[in-house]
Amino acid sequence: MKIAFQMDPIGAVDIAADSTFRLAEEAQARGHELFYYEPDQLAFEEGRITARGQDLRVRRVQGDHAQLGEMRSVDLADFDVVWLRQDPPFDMHYITSTHLLDRLAPGTLVVNDPFWVRNYPEKLLVLDFPDLTPPTTIARDLDTIRAFKAKHGDIILKPLYGNGGAGVFRLDRNDRNLSSLYELFTTFSREPLIVQKFLPAVENGDKRVILVDGEPVGAINRVPAAGETRSNMHVGGRAEKVALSARDREICAAIGPLLREKGQVFVGIDVIGDYLTEINVTSPTGIQELERFDEVNIAAKIWEAIEARRA
């Protein structure tokens, strides 16, 4: 197949951790042709969805991991699969790219399905499963957020469309910074905030469960660094081997059919204790850590699901 990757600059990726690199590596091993372009090179040109980018070959040599051809313009309708893999922020630039990629259906398979990526961002899809999630409020109104804190005492406050642990704050019962943080957030953004009841179980880790076409294939546990609330590996969280629990499987059984129906082939959910906190569909990570811990080829499972959909 002819595969295009819409992603952030490939020269900067960590080949020992980056999931997009691993997907490209596995695709190449399966004999597929690779093409790479950055989101700014996506365009609508008189009825065609085009991209300016380069043919790509990858190899596992950090710093020399991407061999790129000459820059050229392509019609993405000529490709079998396009991967939507740039990282958030989930802003209007990101949303516009999903609208453009929508226009490739049904001839080209876009993974994950951009219509539902746009309509199911990480912290909003969980609202469809209130029995699986901790108490949650989404609001821009300070009085509403204050009332939530008064009710639950110890809370997590974060940007609704943030990623990688950026801007995540824990406000315990004695904290006096809510108003100041609210002012900070609302000064540079018009987006609402999301607040959730703090889950003490996070000290034991924030589990990333990987689902392929709606089915769980494994998990890693991300343990916060000493003195940290956030467990994201971008901010010092430590990845550990962990097995899927009965509760993890219960959560996956509840959400899996919807993910599969909406074309969300590669998804990473976050589970703290018994609670689902996020459903990551934009640019989930964790493949390489899971492959090392469980000695399985998760990238191959993802490509098998995609090849089956193309067939």
Protein backbone atom coordinates (compact mmCIF):
# COMPACT_ATOMS: atom_id res chain seq x y z
CA MET A 1 0.00 0.00 0.00
CA LYS A 2 0.92 3.66 -0.33
CA ILE A 3 0.99 5.23 3.14
CA ALA A 4 1.20 8.94 4.02
CA PHE A 5 2.04 10.22 7.51
CA GLN A 6 0.80 13.66 8.55
CA MET A 7 3.00 14.35 11.57
CA ASP A 8 5.25 16.80 13.39
CA PRO A 9 8.89 17.15 12.19
CA ILE A 10 10.29 13.64 11.94
CA GLY A 11 13.87 14.72 12.61
CA ALA A 12 12.99 15.54 16.22
CA VAL A 13 11.36 12.25 17.23
CA ASP A 14 12.82 9.89 19.83
CA ILE A 15 13.01 6.63 17.91
CA ALA A 16 13.07 4.62 21.17
CA ALA A 17 9.70 6.00 22.25
CA ASP A 18 7.80 7.59 19.37
CA SER A 19 4.74 5.60 18.27
CA THR A 20 4.56 7.17 14.80
CA PHE A 21 8.13 6.12 14.06
CA ARG A 22 7.27 2.57 15.16
CA LEU A 23 4.20 2.53 12.90
CA ALA A 24 6.32 3.71 9.96
CA GLU A 25 8.99 1.10 10.74
CA GLU A 26 6.45 -1.72 10.78
CA ALA A 27 4.76 -0.48 7.59
CA GLN A 28 8.11 -0.44 5.81
CA ALA A 29 8.86 -3.98 7.02
CA ARG A 30 5.52 -5.08 5.55
CA GLY A 31 6.50 -3.72 2.13
CA HIS A 32 4.40 -0.55 2.10
CA GLU A 33 5.61 2.70 0.47
CA LEU A 34 5.94 5.66 2.87
CA PHE A 35 5.42 9.39 2.34
CA TYR A 36 5.87 12.09 5.00
CA TYR A 37 4.51 15.61 5.28
CA GLU A 38 3.89 18.14 8.06
CA PRO A 39 0.43 19.61 8.79
CA ASP A 40 1.31 22.99 7.27
CA GLN A 41 1.86 21.26 3.91
CA LEU A 42 -1.74 19.94 3.72
CA ALA A 43 -3.93 21.86 1.25
CA PHE A 44 -7.21 21.95 -0.67
CA GLU A 45 -6.42 22.80 -4.30
CA GLU A 46 -9.36 23.21 -6.65
CA GLY A 47 -11.15 20.09 -5.45
CA ARG A 48 -8.08 17.98 -4.61
CA ILE A 49 -6.58 17.33 -1.18
CA THR A 50 -2.84 17.67 -1.64
CA ALA A 51 0.30 17.64 0.47
CA ARG A 52 3.88 18.76 -0.13
CA GLY A 53 6.25 16.28 1.39
CA GLN A 54 8.88 13.63 0.81
CA ASP A 55 9.17 9.92 0.23
CA LEU A 56 10.39 8.30 3.44
CA ARG A 57 12.48 5.38 4.57
CA VAL A 58 13.20 4.82 8.26
CA ARG A 59 15.88 2.99 10.17
CA ARG A 60 16.60 2.57 13.87
CA VAL A 61 19.62 4.89 14.07
CA GLN A 62 18.90 7.96 16.20
CA GLY A 63 19.85 11.14 14.34
CA ASP A 64 19.94 9.31 11.03
CA HIS A 65 16.57 7.62 11.31
CA ALA A 66 14.74 9.22 8.37
CA GLN A 67 15.94 9.09 4.78
CA LEU A 68 13.91 11.65 2.81
CA GLY A 69 13.44 12.09 -0.91
CA GLU A 70 13.02 15.32 -2.86
CA MET A 71 10.18 17.61 -1.83
CA ARG A 72 7.18 17.05 -4.09
CA SER A 73 3.44 17.63 -4.18
CA VAL A 74 1.07 14.66 -4.14
CA ASP A 75 -2.67 14.08 -4.41
CA LEU A 76 -3.61 12.24 -1.22
CA ALA A 77 -6.47 10.51 -3.05
CA ASP A 78 -3.75 8.39 -4.68
CA PHE A 79 -2.82 6.90 -1.29
CA ASP A 80 -4.35 3.87 0.37
CA VAL A 81 -3.89 5.14 3.94
CA VAL A 82 -3.22 8.53 5.52
CA TRP A 83 -2.17 8.63 9.18
CA LEU A 84 -3.32 11.67 11.18
CA ARG A 85 -0.49 11.72 13.69
CA GLN A 86 0.45 15.29 14.60
CA ASP A 87 0.31 16.10 18.30
CA PRO A 88 -2.20 18.52 19.80
CA PRO A 89 -2.89 21.36 20.69
CA PHE A 90 -6.34 20.60 19.41
CA ASP A 91 -6.86 24.07 17.95
CA MET A 92 -8.50 25.41 14.79
CA HIS A 93 -5.42 24.44 12.76
CA TYR A 94 -5.88 20.83 13.89
CA ILE A 95 -9.63 20.95 13.35
CA THR A 96 -9.23 22.37 9.84
CA SER A 97 -6.92 19.50 8.91
CA THR A 98 -9.61 17.02 9.96
CA HIS A 99 -12.12 18.79 7.70
CA LEU A 100 -9.75 18.53 4.74
CA LEU A 101 -8.88 14.88 5.40
CA ASP A 102 -12.61 14.08 5.65
CA ARG A 103 -12.80 14.73 1.93
CA LEU A 104 -10.59 11.74 1.12
CA ALA A 105 -13.29 9.23 2.08
CA PRO A 106 -14.20 6.66 0.94
CA GLY A 107 -11.29 6.04 -1.44
CA THR A 108 -8.52 6.70 1.07
CA LEU A 109 -8.61 5.37 4.62
CA VAL A 110 -7.64 8.04 7.17
CA VAL A 111 -6.57 6.71 10.56
CA ASN A 112 -7.95 7.58 12.99
CA ASP A 113 -11.16 8.64 11.23
CA PRO A 114 -10.86 12.46 11.21
CA PHE A 115 -14.59 13.14 11.55
CA TRP A 116 -14.68 11.34 14.87
CA VAL A 117 -11.27 12.60 15.99
CA ARG A 118 -12.78 16.07 15.61
CA ASN A 119 -15.97 15.16 17.45
CA TYR A 120 -14.42 12.91 20.13
CA PRO A 121 -11.43 14.82 21.57
CA GLU A 122 -9.69 13.17 24.52
CA LYS A 123 -11.42 14.80 27.45
CA LEU A 124 -14.91 15.00 25.92
CA LEU A 125 -15.60 11.45 24.75
CA VAL A 126 -15.33 10.22 28.34
CA LEU A 127 -18.47 12.24 29.14
CA ASP A 128 -20.47 9.54 27.33
CA PHE A 129 -19.46 7.08 30.08
CA PRO A 130 -20.28 8.78 33.42
CA ASP A 131 -20.39 5.46 35.29
CA LEU A 132 -16.73 4.86 34.37
CA THR A 133 -15.31 8.31 35.12
CA PRO A 134 -14.58 10.37 38.26
CA PRO A 135 -16.84 13.36 39.06
CA THR A 136 -16.17 15.91 36.29
CA THR A 137 -17.17 19.44 35.36
CA ILE A 138 -16.33 21.41 32.21
CA ALA A 139 -16.84 25.15 32.56
CA ARG A 140 -15.42 28.59 31.91
CA ASP A 141 -17.51 30.14 34.66
CA LEU A 142 -15.44 30.59 37.84
CA ASP A 143 -18.40 30.22 40.20
CA THR A 144 -19.23 26.82 38.68
CA ILE A 145 -15.64 25.66 39.16
CA ARG A 146 -15.59 27.00 42.72
CA ALA A 147 -18.79 25.09 43.52
CA PHE A 148 -17.20 21.87 42.22
CA LYS A 149 -14.14 22.44 44.40
CA ALA A 150 -16.30 23.21 47.43
CA LYS A 151 -18.13 19.91 46.91
CA HIS A 152 -15.12 17.66 46.23
CA GLY A 153 -12.30 19.50 48.04
CA ASP A 154 -9.29 17.96 46.30
CA ILE A 155 -9.41 18.50 42.53
CA ILE A 156 -7.43 18.42 39.30
CA LEU A 157 -7.70 21.50 37.07
CA LYS A 158 -6.45 21.42 33.48
CA PRO A 159 -7.01 22.89 29.99
CA LEU A 160 -9.76 21.11 28.11
CA TYR A 161 -7.64 20.68 24.98
CA GLY A 162 -4.19 20.34 26.52
CA ASN A 163 -1.84 17.39 26.18
CA GLY A 164 1.29 15.83 27.63
CA GLY A 165 0.54 16.93 31.20
CA ALA A 166 0.98 20.62 30.37
CA GLY A 167 -1.04 22.97 32.56
CA VAL A 168 -2.31 20.26 34.94
CA PHE A 169 -2.73 21.46 38.54
CA ARG A 170 -3.79 19.72 41.71
CA LEU A 171 -5.68 21.97 44.13
CA ASP A 172 -6.17 20.31 47.52
CA ARG A 173 -8.61 21.40 50.23
CA ASN A 174 -6.20 24.00 51.59
CA ASP A 175 -5.13 25.49 48.28
CA ARG A 176 -5.91 29.18 47.67
CA ASN A 177 -4.81 29.51 44.04
CA LEU A 178 -7.98 28.72 42.11
CA SER A 179 -8.81 32.34 41.24
CA SER A 180 -5.25 33.11 40.16
CA LEU A 181 -5.03 30.00 37.98
CA TYR A 182 -8.41 30.81 36.46
CA GLU A 183 -7.17 34.29 35.56
CA LEU A 184 -4.00 32.84 34.07
CA PHE A 185 -5.84 30.32 31.88
CA THR A 186 -8.57 32.69 30.70
CA THR A 187 -6.11 35.44 29.83
CA PHE A 188 -4.48 33.44 27.01
CA SER A 189 -7.34 31.12 26.01
CA ARG A 190 -11.08 31.29 25.34
CA GLU A 191 -11.48 27.55 25.96
CA PRO A 192 -13.28 26.09 28.98
CA LEU A 193 -11.43 24.26 31.74
CA ILE A 194 -12.00 20.73 32.93
CA VAL A 195 -12.01 19.86 36.62
CA GLN A 196 -12.12 16.36 38.08
CA LYS A 197 -12.10 14.96 41.57
CA PHE A 198 -8.52 14.07 42.53
CA LEU A 199 -7.89 10.33 42.59
CA PRO A 200 -5.33 9.37 45.29
CA ALA A 201 -4.72 6.10 43.40
CA VAL A 202 -2.59 8.10 40.94
CA GLU A 203 0.38 7.67 43.30
CA ASN A 204 0.34 4.02 42.22
CA GLY A 205 0.31 5.04 38.57
CA ASP A 206 -1.80 6.21 35.66
CA LYS A 207 -2.39 3.21 33.42
CA ARG A 208 -2.23 3.65 29.63
CA VAL A 209 -4.29 0.91 27.98
CA ILE A 210 -3.83 0.45 24.23
CA LEU A 211 -6.84 -0.58 22.14
CA VAL A 212 -6.61 -1.73 18.52
CA ASP A 213 -9.89 -1.55 16.63
CA GLY A 214 -11.74 -1.50 19.96
CA GLU A 215 -9.92 -4.43 21.56
CA PRO A 216 -7.40 -4.05 24.43
CA VAL A 217 -3.95 -5.39 23.54
CA GLY A 218 -2.05 -4.45 26.70
CA ALA A 219 -1.14 -1.68 29.11
CA ILE A 220 1.76 0.16 30.69
CA ASN A 221 1.72 1.88 34.06
CA ARG A 222 3.04 5.45 34.26
CA VAL A 223 4.19 6.30 37.78
CA PRO A 224 4.64 9.97 38.78
CA ALA A 225 8.06 11.21 39.82
CA ALA A 226 8.52 12.01 43.51
CA GLY A 227 6.61 15.16 44.40
CA GLU A 228 4.65 15.16 41.11
CA THR A 229 0.94 14.68 40.52
CA ARG A 230 1.35 14.20 36.77
CA SER A 231 2.43 10.80 35.48
CA ASN A 232 2.98 11.73 31.83
CA MET A 233 6.33 10.49 30.56
CA HIS A 234 6.92 13.93 29.00
CA VAL A 235 7.22 15.33 32.53
CA GLY A 236 9.23 12.60 34.21
CA GLY A 237 6.73 9.78 34.70
CA ARG A 238 8.26 6.30 34.79
CA ALA A 239 6.85 3.49 32.64
CA GLU A 240 6.38 0.10 34.33
CA LYS A 241 5.11 -3.27 33.19
CA VAL A 242 1.52 -3.96 34.27
CA ALA A 243 -1.24 -6.44 33.47
CA LEU A 244 -4.79 -5.61 32.44
CA SER A 245 -7.13 -5.84 35.41
CA ALA A 246 -10.73 -7.00 35.39
CA ARG A 247 -11.82 -3.35 35.70
CA ASP A 248 -9.63 -2.37 32.72
CA ARG A 249 -11.32 -5.04 30.63
CA GLU A 250 -14.75 -3.90 31.82
CA ILE A 251 -13.96 -0.34 30.71
CA CYS A 252 -12.66 -1.54 27.34
CA ALA A 253 -15.74 -3.70 26.78
CA ALA A 254 -17.91 -0.64 27.38
CA ILE A 255 -16.08 1.75 25.04
CA GLY A 256 -14.57 -0.63 22.48
CA PRO A 257 -17.61 -1.12 20.21
CA LEU A 258 -18.05 2.65 19.81
CA LEU A 259 -14.36 3.16 18.99
CA ARG A 260 -14.44 0.40 16.39
CA GLU A 261 -17.68 1.70 14.82
CA LYS A 262 -16.24 5.23 14.52
CA GLY A 263 -12.97 4.18 12.89
CA GLN A 264 -10.70 4.81 15.88
CA VAL A 265 -8.16 2.09 15.11
CA PHE A 266 -5.37 3.10 17.51
CA VAL A 267 -6.54 4.47 20.86
CA GLY A 268 -4.87 4.92 24.23
CA ILE A 269 -7.08 5.29 27.28
CA ASP A 270 -5.96 6.52 30.71
CA VAL A 271 -7.16 4.67 33.80
CA ILE A 272 -6.42 5.73 37.39
CA GLY A 273 -7.52 3.16 39.95
CA ASP A 274 -11.00 2.14 38.81
CA TYR A 275 -11.71 5.25 36.77
CA LEU A 276 -11.41 6.16 33.09
CA THR A 277 -10.01 9.70 32.80
CA GLU A 278 -9.20 10.18 29.08
CA ILE A 279 -9.75 8.48 25.72
CA ASN A 280 -6.83 9.54 23.52
CA VAL A 281 -7.66 9.43 19.80
CA THR A 282 -5.64 12.33 18.33
CA SER A 283 -2.07 11.03 18.64
CA PRO A 284 -1.87 8.27 21.26
CA THR A 285 1.49 6.91 22.40
CA GLY A 286 2.79 3.91 24.32
CA ILE A 287 3.39 1.32 21.58
CA GLN A 288 7.13 0.94 22.06
CA GLU A 289 7.03 0.71 25.86
CA LEU A 290 4.29 -1.94 25.66
CA GLU A 291 6.20 -3.92 23.05
CA ARG A 292 9.32 -3.98 25.23
CA PHE A 293 7.47 -4.98 28.41
CA ASP A 294 5.20 -7.64 26.89
CA GLU A 295 7.46 -8.77 24.01
CA VAL A 296 4.63 -8.40 21.49
CA ASN A 297 4.39 -6.60 18.16
CA ILE A 298 1.63 -4.05 18.76
CA ALA A 299 2.47 -2.13 15.56
CA ALA A 300 1.79 -5.31 13.58
CA LYS A 301 -1.63 -5.68 15.23
CA ILE A 302 -2.47 -2.11 14.22
CA TRP A 303 -1.40 -2.71 10.63
CA GLU A 304 -3.35 -5.97 10.49
CA ALA A 305 -6.47 -4.04 11.53
CA ILE A 306 -5.82 -1.39 8.87
CA GLU A 307 -5.10 -3.95 6.15
CA ALA A 308 -8.34 -5.74 7.04
CA ARG A 309 -10.28 -2.47 6.72
CA ARG A 310 -8.68 -1.75 3.34
CA ALA A 311 -9.47 -5.26 2.15
